[in-house]
């Protein structure tokens, strides 16, 4: 308060005492800093475990705090010095080195050291005023420290969100693996294998906390999780997924109504891009299978993906079903083709091929063993039928010696 606000002017004796106190404070800044450093080492076990650079940063903060107190004690009506004079250029380094709780412990030590030296620093009549100033100063510094950490958390949160969006976009585009791994490491990602990409629709009006809630929920089912929103599409990149089937079912509940598609599990970041592409291709094609489960694997949507023009799905059907059936011989392709064309009738197929019905059963079981798809299940029979169609349309596979022949000059 100023004199005009009703506070009496200090007496000449009080002014002289304060001037003497200021003089002693200025003369003892170095000594107080040294005492503070020793007290930090003696009272705070975590301080000794910090690196030399981190201890140097905190020591500088403590020293600045003591020096700034002298300035503040002389002009207590101007608290704007706190952020610049005490923390200087250190806030980002300090928030990375220690928690807010530890920062407040450090401030308490500084205050205790100064308070212990009050009898040495001030005449007896001026000591109550100095003690009060120390307490008010500690309050201001504590509030300033809380502000520093709040701003750092806000900045870090914004940066993490931007970095997360960049990583998700890089995975979708199949960006350079080294650059992608570096960004993921900066975000604190720990998983190195078993990546799963899940895509679906974003809620029309997601709440402000929707993404953080989704990330927190995903963290319960996977070692790591990235969340990306691109328009009306929601992307989850999961690392180290636990109990895959149950986890995917639970996570699909967080998507908006509509198809939710997950790509095949990828062993590396490079494969994660392929998994994401398969998931998005499946999301595009899922409308053609209204009865599809939710979530559905991209690999279960191969027929629909082929119809929608997905070249990767066509190659998968040819390489994973049609050609293995041809290579297996034993009439598997002819038996499967007849079975599908004759309305899935074992007896009609047996008559068509002039074999016993048990032979048809055996061959169809062999089809399942070779391809992993069971022709006795209607949906899987549809996948096999699509594979036969695209396989017949595929260009003939060249013999191995032709594929590896040297190209003529």
Protein backbone atom coordinates (compact mmCIF):
# COMPACT_ATOMS: atom_id res chain seq x y z
CA UNK A 1 0.00 0.00 0.00
CA UNK A 2 1.19 3.53 -0.71
CA UNK A 3 1.05 6.42 1.70
CA UNK A 4 -2.03 7.78 -0.10
CA UNK A 5 -3.83 4.50 0.67
CA UNK A 6 -3.48 5.07 4.38
CA UNK A 7 -0.25 3.27 5.31
CA UNK A 8 1.90 5.40 7.61
CA UNK A 9 5.30 6.45 6.36
CA UNK A 10 8.22 4.50 7.84
CA UNK A 11 10.10 6.22 10.59
CA UNK A 12 13.71 7.27 9.96
CA UNK A 13 14.85 4.48 12.27
CA UNK A 14 12.81 1.87 10.36
CA UNK A 15 14.18 3.16 7.06
CA UNK A 16 17.69 2.90 8.41
CA UNK A 17 17.05 -0.67 9.61
CA UNK A 18 15.70 -1.69 6.20
CA UNK A 19 18.67 -0.07 4.44
CA UNK A 20 21.03 -1.99 6.69
CA UNK A 21 19.11 -5.22 6.05
CA UNK A 22 19.29 -4.68 2.28
CA UNK A 23 23.01 -4.07 2.53
CA UNK A 24 23.56 -7.32 4.44
CA UNK A 25 21.30 -9.24 2.07
CA UNK A 26 23.31 -8.07 -0.94
CA UNK A 27 26.57 -8.91 0.81
CA UNK A 28 25.40 -12.44 1.72
CA UNK A 29 23.77 -13.61 -1.52
CA UNK A 30 26.72 -15.88 -2.32
CA UNK A 31 26.83 -17.33 1.18
CA UNK A 32 23.07 -17.98 1.18
CA UNK A 33 23.37 -19.71 -2.21
CA UNK A 34 26.12 -21.98 -0.91
CA UNK A 35 24.12 -22.85 2.21
CA UNK A 36 21.09 -23.59 0.04
CA UNK A 37 23.04 -25.97 -2.20
CA UNK A 38 24.40 -27.84 0.81
CA UNK A 39 20.92 -28.05 2.33
CA UNK A 40 19.47 -29.39 -0.92
CA UNK A 41 22.05 -32.19 -0.97
CA UNK A 42 21.46 -33.00 2.69
CA UNK A 43 17.67 -32.81 2.80
CA UNK A 44 16.50 -34.05 -0.64
CA UNK A 45 17.65 -37.60 -1.56
CA UNK A 46 16.44 -37.21 -5.15
CA UNK A 47 18.65 -34.14 -5.67
CA UNK A 48 21.85 -36.20 -5.48
CA UNK A 49 20.52 -38.62 -8.11
CA UNK A 50 20.11 -35.91 -10.71
CA UNK A 51 22.66 -35.46 -13.47
CA UNK A 52 25.27 -32.75 -13.17
CA UNK A 53 23.45 -30.58 -15.72
CA UNK A 54 20.13 -30.97 -13.90
CA UNK A 55 21.70 -30.09 -10.54
CA UNK A 56 23.33 -27.07 -12.18
CA UNK A 57 19.97 -25.94 -13.56
CA UNK A 58 18.26 -26.26 -10.17
CA UNK A 59 21.17 -24.64 -8.38
CA UNK A 60 20.87 -21.68 -10.75
CA UNK A 61 17.15 -21.44 -10.00
CA UNK A 62 17.87 -21.43 -6.24
CA UNK A 63 20.60 -18.80 -6.63
CA UNK A 64 18.36 -16.63 -8.80
CA UNK A 65 15.59 -17.00 -6.24
CA UNK A 66 17.79 -15.63 -3.46
CA UNK A 67 19.12 -12.78 -5.60
CA UNK A 68 15.58 -11.89 -6.73
CA UNK A 69 14.40 -11.83 -3.12
CA UNK A 70 16.75 -8.94 -2.44
CA UNK A 71 15.22 -6.99 -5.33
CA UNK A 72 11.71 -7.87 -4.25
CA UNK A 73 12.40 -6.95 -0.62
CA UNK A 74 13.38 -3.50 -1.82
CA UNK A 75 10.35 -3.11 -4.13
CA UNK A 76 7.70 -5.66 -3.01
CA UNK A 77 4.90 -4.02 -4.99
CA UNK A 78 6.23 -5.34 -8.33
CA UNK A 79 5.96 -9.16 -8.57
CA UNK A 80 6.51 -9.33 -12.34
CA UNK A 81 10.14 -10.33 -11.79
CA UNK A 82 9.31 -13.85 -10.65
CA UNK A 83 9.13 -15.75 -13.93
CA UNK A 84 12.06 -13.99 -15.59
CA UNK A 85 14.39 -13.38 -12.65
CA UNK A 86 13.93 -16.64 -10.74
CA UNK A 87 13.33 -19.18 -13.48
CA UNK A 88 15.06 -17.32 -16.30
CA UNK A 89 15.55 -19.64 -19.31
CA UNK A 90 15.25 -22.72 -17.13
CA UNK A 91 11.50 -23.56 -17.06
CA UNK A 92 11.58 -26.16 -19.84
CA UNK A 93 14.71 -27.82 -18.44
CA UNK A 94 13.36 -27.72 -14.89
CA UNK A 95 9.97 -29.24 -15.75
CA UNK A 96 11.74 -32.09 -17.53
CA UNK A 97 14.17 -32.68 -14.67
CA UNK A 98 11.82 -32.64 -11.67
CA UNK A 99 8.11 -32.74 -10.85
CA UNK A 100 6.16 -29.79 -9.47
CA UNK A 101 6.17 -31.46 -6.05
CA UNK A 102 9.97 -31.57 -6.07
CA UNK A 103 10.17 -27.98 -7.29
CA UNK A 104 8.10 -26.88 -4.30
CA UNK A 105 10.40 -28.87 -2.00
CA UNK A 106 13.32 -26.93 -3.48
CA UNK A 107 11.55 -23.61 -2.90
CA UNK A 108 10.85 -24.61 0.71
CA UNK A 109 14.55 -25.30 1.29
CA UNK A 110 15.48 -21.88 -0.12
CA UNK A 111 12.96 -20.18 2.16
CA UNK A 112 14.15 -22.12 5.23
CA UNK A 113 17.77 -21.16 4.60
CA UNK A 114 16.93 -17.46 4.28
CA UNK A 115 14.63 -17.59 7.31
CA UNK A 116 17.33 -19.23 9.45
CA UNK A 117 19.68 -16.36 8.62
CA UNK A 118 17.22 -13.60 9.55
CA UNK A 119 18.96 -12.87 12.90
CA UNK A 120 22.23 -12.39 11.03
CA UNK A 121 20.76 -10.37 8.17
CA UNK A 122 18.58 -7.84 10.02
CA UNK A 123 18.63 -5.76 13.20
CA UNK A 124 16.32 -7.09 15.90
CA UNK A 125 13.56 -4.55 15.23
CA UNK A 126 13.61 -5.30 11.49
CA UNK A 127 13.54 -9.10 11.86
CA UNK A 128 9.69 -9.50 12.01
CA UNK A 129 9.35 -7.50 8.80
CA UNK A 130 12.03 -9.60 7.08
CA UNK A 131 10.40 -12.85 8.18
CA UNK A 132 7.04 -11.65 6.86
CA UNK A 133 8.70 -10.68 3.59
CA UNK A 134 10.25 -14.13 3.28
CA UNK A 135 6.85 -15.78 3.73
CA UNK A 136 5.16 -13.50 1.21
CA UNK A 137 8.01 -14.04 -1.21
CA UNK A 138 7.77 -17.83 -0.89
CA UNK A 139 4.06 -17.64 -1.67
CA UNK A 140 4.72 -15.62 -4.83
CA UNK A 141 7.45 -18.00 -5.98
CA UNK A 142 5.26 -21.05 -5.31
CA UNK A 143 2.47 -19.57 -7.43
CA UNK A 144 4.98 -18.72 -10.14
CA UNK A 145 6.34 -22.27 -10.09
CA UNK A 146 2.83 -23.68 -10.45
CA UNK A 147 2.29 -21.34 -13.40
CA UNK A 148 5.54 -22.51 -15.02
CA UNK A 149 4.51 -26.15 -14.74
CA UNK A 150 0.98 -25.47 -15.97
CA UNK A 151 2.29 -23.70 -19.05
CA UNK A 152 4.84 -26.45 -19.66
CA UNK A 153 2.14 -29.12 -19.39
CA UNK A 154 -0.11 -27.21 -21.79
CA UNK A 155 2.72 -26.72 -24.27
CA UNK A 156 3.81 -30.35 -23.95
CA UNK A 157 0.23 -31.53 -24.44
CA UNK A 158 -0.16 -29.45 -27.61
CA UNK A 159 3.20 -30.64 -28.91
CA UNK A 160 2.40 -34.29 -28.14
CA UNK A 161 -0.92 -33.99 -29.95
CA UNK A 162 0.73 -32.52 -33.05
CA UNK A 163 3.49 -35.12 -32.96
CA UNK A 164 0.94 -37.90 -32.53
CA UNK A 165 -0.96 -36.67 -35.59
CA UNK A 166 2.28 -36.58 -37.61
CA UNK A 167 3.13 -40.15 -36.57
CA UNK A 168 -0.29 -41.51 -37.48
CA UNK A 169 -0.10 -39.74 -40.85
CA UNK A 170 3.40 -41.11 -41.43
CA UNK A 171 2.25 -44.67 -40.69
CA UNK A 172 -0.62 -44.31 -43.14
CA UNK A 173 1.73 -42.99 -45.84
CA UNK A 174 4.48 -45.54 -45.20
CA UNK A 175 7.08 -42.89 -44.35
CA UNK A 176 10.79 -43.67 -43.89
CA UNK A 177 11.17 -46.09 -41.00
CA UNK A 178 14.08 -44.28 -39.32
CA UNK A 179 12.27 -40.95 -39.23
CA UNK A 180 9.10 -42.62 -38.00
CA UNK A 181 10.92 -44.52 -35.26
CA UNK A 182 12.60 -41.31 -34.11
CA UNK A 183 9.27 -39.52 -33.77
CA UNK A 184 7.69 -42.42 -31.94
CA UNK A 185 10.63 -42.51 -29.52
CA UNK A 186 10.16 -38.78 -28.86
CA UNK A 187 6.54 -39.48 -27.93
CA UNK A 188 7.61 -42.18 -25.46
CA UNK A 189 6.39 -45.18 -27.47
CA UNK A 190 7.86 -48.42 -26.13
CA UNK A 191 6.39 -51.21 -28.29
CA UNK A 192 8.70 -52.50 -31.03
CA UNK A 193 6.46 -55.13 -32.60
CA UNK A 194 2.87 -56.41 -32.87
CA UNK A 195 1.26 -53.29 -34.31
CA UNK A 196 -2.48 -53.21 -35.01
CA UNK A 197 -4.31 -50.46 -36.89
CA UNK A 198 -8.05 -49.99 -36.25
CA UNK A 199 -10.20 -47.58 -38.27
CA UNK A 200 -13.81 -46.48 -38.13
CA UNK A 201 -16.01 -43.41 -37.92
CA UNK A 202 -15.58 -40.49 -35.53
CA UNK A 203 -18.60 -39.42 -33.44
CA UNK A 204 -20.44 -36.51 -35.05
CA UNK A 205 -20.00 -34.26 -32.02
CA UNK A 206 -17.19 -35.66 -29.87
CA UNK A 207 -16.75 -34.11 -26.44
CA UNK A 208 -13.66 -32.07 -25.61
CA UNK A 209 -12.26 -34.98 -23.63
CA UNK A 210 -13.14 -37.67 -26.21
CA UNK A 211 -9.62 -38.19 -27.56
CA UNK A 212 -7.99 -38.29 -24.12
CA UNK A 213 -10.64 -40.76 -22.91
CA UNK A 214 -10.10 -42.93 -25.98
CA UNK A 215 -6.34 -42.86 -25.48
CA UNK A 216 -6.71 -43.73 -21.81
CA UNK A 217 -9.07 -46.63 -22.57
CA UNK A 218 -6.79 -47.92 -25.33
CA UNK A 219 -3.92 -47.83 -22.86
CA UNK A 220 -5.70 -50.47 -20.78
CA UNK A 221 -5.70 -52.94 -23.66
CA UNK A 222 -2.33 -52.25 -25.28
CA UNK A 223 1.21 -51.33 -24.28
CA UNK A 224 1.04 -48.18 -26.42
CA UNK A 225 -1.68 -46.35 -28.32
CA UNK A 226 -1.82 -43.53 -30.84
CA UNK A 227 -5.05 -41.75 -31.77
CA UNK A 228 -5.60 -39.95 -35.05
CA UNK A 229 -8.67 -38.14 -36.40
CA UNK A 230 -8.81 -37.34 -40.10
CA UNK A 231 -12.13 -35.74 -40.93
CA UNK A 232 -14.82 -38.27 -40.05
CA UNK A 233 -12.32 -41.14 -39.78
CA UNK A 234 -10.90 -42.30 -36.47
CA UNK A 235 -7.60 -44.22 -36.43
CA UNK A 236 -6.12 -46.21 -33.57
CA UNK A 237 -2.56 -47.50 -33.80
CA UNK A 238 -1.99 -50.04 -31.04
CA UNK A 239 1.29 -51.59 -29.98
CA UNK A 240 1.50 -54.80 -27.98
CA UNK A 241 -2.23 -55.48 -27.93
CA UNK A 242 -3.38 -57.74 -25.08
CA UNK A 243 -6.01 -60.45 -25.65
CA UNK A 244 -6.53 -59.32 -29.23
CA UNK A 245 -10.12 -60.44 -29.82
CA UNK A 246 -11.56 -59.13 -26.55
CA UNK A 247 -9.58 -55.88 -26.68
CA UNK A 248 -10.65 -55.05 -30.23
CA UNK A 249 -14.29 -55.74 -29.35
CA UNK A 250 -14.12 -53.37 -26.36
CA UNK A 251 -12.34 -50.64 -28.30
CA UNK A 252 -14.81 -50.80 -31.18
CA UNK A 253 -17.49 -49.60 -28.76
CA UNK A 254 -15.77 -46.20 -28.66
CA UNK A 255 -16.21 -45.61 -32.40
CA UNK A 256 -19.29 -44.03 -33.97
CA UNK A 257 -21.95 -46.39 -35.37
CA UNK A 258 -20.83 -48.11 -38.56
CA UNK A 259 -18.11 -50.52 -39.63
CA UNK A 260 -14.92 -50.82 -37.57
CA UNK A 261 -12.07 -52.56 -39.38
CA UNK A 262 -8.68 -53.70 -38.10
CA UNK A 263 -5.71 -54.54 -40.28
CA UNK A 264 -3.56 -57.65 -39.86
CA UNK A 265 -1.10 -57.63 -36.96
CA UNK A 266 2.17 -56.12 -38.17
CA UNK A 267 5.59 -57.17 -36.94
CA UNK A 268 7.26 -53.81 -37.65
CA UNK A 269 6.55 -50.18 -38.36
CA UNK A 270 7.00 -50.78 -42.08
CA UNK A 271 4.35 -53.49 -42.00
CA UNK A 272 2.11 -51.22 -39.92
CA UNK A 273 1.69 -49.02 -42.99
CA UNK A 274 0.50 -52.03 -44.99
CA UNK A 275 -1.83 -52.97 -42.14
CA UNK A 276 -3.30 -49.45 -42.15
CA UNK A 277 -3.83 -49.56 -45.90
CA UNK A 278 -5.66 -52.89 -45.57
CA UNK A 279 -7.82 -51.50 -42.77
CA UNK A 280 -8.84 -48.45 -44.81
CA UNK A 281 -9.54 -50.58 -47.87
CA UNK A 282 -11.73 -52.77 -45.67
CA UNK A 283 -13.55 -49.73 -44.25
CA UNK A 284 -14.36 -48.57 -47.79
CA UNK A 285 -15.64 -52.00 -48.82
CA UNK A 286 -17.44 -52.96 -45.59
CA UNK A 287 -20.74 -51.47 -46.79
CA UNK A 288 -21.02 -54.38 -49.22
CA UNK A 289 -21.28 -56.83 -46.30
CA UNK A 290 -24.05 -55.47 -44.04
CA UNK A 291 -23.87 -58.53 -41.76
CA UNK A 292 -20.15 -58.11 -41.09
CA UNK A 293 -19.15 -58.42 -37.42
CA UNK A 294 -18.00 -55.32 -35.55
CA UNK A 295 -15.08 -55.11 -35.52
CA UNK A 296 -14.16 -57.03 -38.63
CA UNK A 297 -10.71 -58.01 -39.88
CA UNK A 298 -9.63 -56.49 -43.18
CA UNK A 299 -8.68 -60.00 -44.28
CA UNK A 300 -12.30 -61.12 -43.88
CA UNK A 301 -13.39 -58.49 -46.40
CA UNK A 302 -11.25 -59.68 -49.31
CA UNK A 303 -14.18 -60.28 -51.73
CA UNK A 304 -15.69 -56.87 -51.05
CA UNK A 305 -12.29 -55.22 -51.33
CA UNK A 306 -11.71 -56.88 -54.72
CA UNK A 307 -15.08 -55.63 -55.96
CA UNK A 308 -14.20 -52.09 -54.79
CA UNK A 309 -10.98 -52.26 -56.81
CA UNK A 310 -8.39 -53.10 -54.14
CA UNK A 311 -5.43 -54.59 -55.99
CA UNK A 312 -3.80 -55.79 -52.78
CA UNK A 313 -6.84 -57.93 -51.94
CA UNK A 314 -6.84 -59.41 -55.46
CA UNK A 315 -3.19 -60.39 -55.11
CA UNK A 316 -3.87 -61.91 -51.69
CA UNK A 317 -6.65 -64.10 -53.05
CA UNK A 318 -4.52 -65.26 -55.96
CA UNK A 319 -1.36 -65.86 -53.94
CA UNK A 320 -3.03 -67.16 -50.77
CA UNK A 321 -5.83 -69.30 -52.19
CA UNK A 322 -5.90 -69.88 -55.92
CA UNK A 323 -2.28 -70.78 -56.60
CA UNK A 324 -1.88 -72.97 -53.48
CA UNK A 325 -4.96 -74.93 -54.63
CA UNK A 326 -3.48 -75.37 -58.10
CA UNK A 327 -0.17 -76.47 -56.60
CA UNK A 328 -1.89 -78.99 -54.32
CA UNK A 329 -3.49 -80.70 -57.35
CA UNK A 330 -5.58 -83.81 -56.45
CA UNK A 331 -8.49 -82.17 -58.24
CA UNK A 332 -9.02 -79.57 -55.49
CA UNK A 333 -9.83 -76.71 -57.86
CA UNK A 334 -12.25 -78.80 -59.94
CA UNK A 335 -13.94 -80.21 -56.84
CA UNK A 336 -14.29 -76.82 -55.19
CA UNK A 337 -15.55 -75.23 -58.41
CA UNK A 338 -18.18 -77.92 -58.94
CA UNK A 339 -19.27 -77.79 -55.30
CA UNK A 340 -19.79 -74.03 -55.48
CA UNK A 341 -21.55 -74.11 -58.84
CA UNK A 342 -23.92 -76.92 -57.80
CA UNK A 343 -25.38 -75.15 -54.80
CA UNK A 344 -22.98 -76.55 -52.18
CA UNK A 345 -24.39 -80.06 -52.66
CA UNK A 346 -22.00 -82.92 -51.82
CA UNK A 347 -24.11 -85.50 -53.70
CA UNK A 348 -24.49 -83.40 -56.83
CA UNK A 349 -20.75 -82.70 -56.83
CA UNK A 350 -19.98 -86.40 -56.45
CA UNK A 351 -22.22 -87.23 -59.42
CA UNK A 352 -20.67 -84.47 -61.52
CA UNK A 353 -17.14 -85.74 -60.84
CA UNK A 354 -18.03 -89.47 -60.85
CA UNK A 355 -16.60 -89.95 -57.35
CA UNK A 356 -18.00 -90.98 -53.99
CA UNK A 357 -19.46 -88.27 -51.70
CA UNK A 358 -16.81 -89.11 -49.09
CA UNK A 359 -14.16 -88.25 -51.68
CA UNK A 360 -15.78 -84.85 -52.13
CA UNK A 361 -15.77 -84.36 -48.35
CA UNK A 362 -12.09 -85.30 -48.18
CA UNK A 363 -11.15 -82.93 -50.98
CA UNK A 364 -13.11 -80.07 -49.45
CA UNK A 365 -11.34 -80.69 -46.16
CA UNK A 366 -8.06 -80.53 -48.06
CA UNK A 367 -9.17 -77.17 -49.49
CA UNK A 368 -9.60 -75.92 -45.92
CA UNK A 369 -6.21 -77.31 -44.89
CA UNK A 370 -4.44 -75.68 -47.84
CA UNK A 371 -6.13 -72.25 -47.75
CA UNK A 372 -7.44 -71.81 -44.20
CA UNK A 373 -10.96 -71.19 -45.57
CA UNK A 374 -13.71 -73.77 -45.08
CA UNK A 375 -16.00 -74.25 -48.11
CA UNK A 376 -18.70 -75.78 -45.88
CA UNK A 377 -19.23 -72.37 -44.22
CA UNK A 378 -21.25 -70.11 -46.57
CA UNK A 379 -19.26 -66.91 -45.94
CA UNK A 380 -15.92 -68.64 -46.38
CA UNK A 381 -17.22 -70.42 -49.47
CA UNK A 382 -17.92 -66.96 -50.92
CA UNK A 383 -14.30 -65.97 -50.28
CA UNK A 384 -13.11 -69.14 -52.03
CA UNK A 385 -15.45 -68.54 -54.96
CA UNK A 386 -14.10 -65.00 -55.36
CA UNK A 387 -10.54 -66.37 -55.23
CA UNK A 388 -11.32 -68.82 -58.05
CA UNK A 389 -12.74 -66.00 -60.16
CA UNK A 390 -9.83 -63.59 -59.73
CA UNK A 391 -7.34 -66.44 -60.04
CA UNK A 392 -8.71 -67.45 -63.44
CA UNK A 393 -8.49 -63.85 -64.58
CA UNK A 394 -4.92 -63.42 -63.31
CA UNK A 395 -2.09 -63.63 -65.83
CA UNK A 396 -0.34 -67.03 -65.83
CA UNK A 397 2.51 -67.33 -63.37
CA UNK A 398 5.84 -67.65 -65.13
CA UNK A 399 8.09 -70.56 -64.26
CA UNK A 400 10.71 -69.79 -61.64
CA UNK A 401 13.61 -69.99 -64.08
CA UNK A 402 11.86 -67.44 -66.33
CA UNK A 403 11.18 -65.05 -63.45
CA UNK A 404 14.82 -65.04 -62.42
CA UNK A 405 16.28 -64.99 -65.95
CA UNK A 406 18.61 -62.15 -66.82
CA UNK A 407 16.92 -59.37 -68.75
CA UNK A 408 18.42 -59.07 -72.28
CA UNK A 409 20.39 -55.93 -73.01
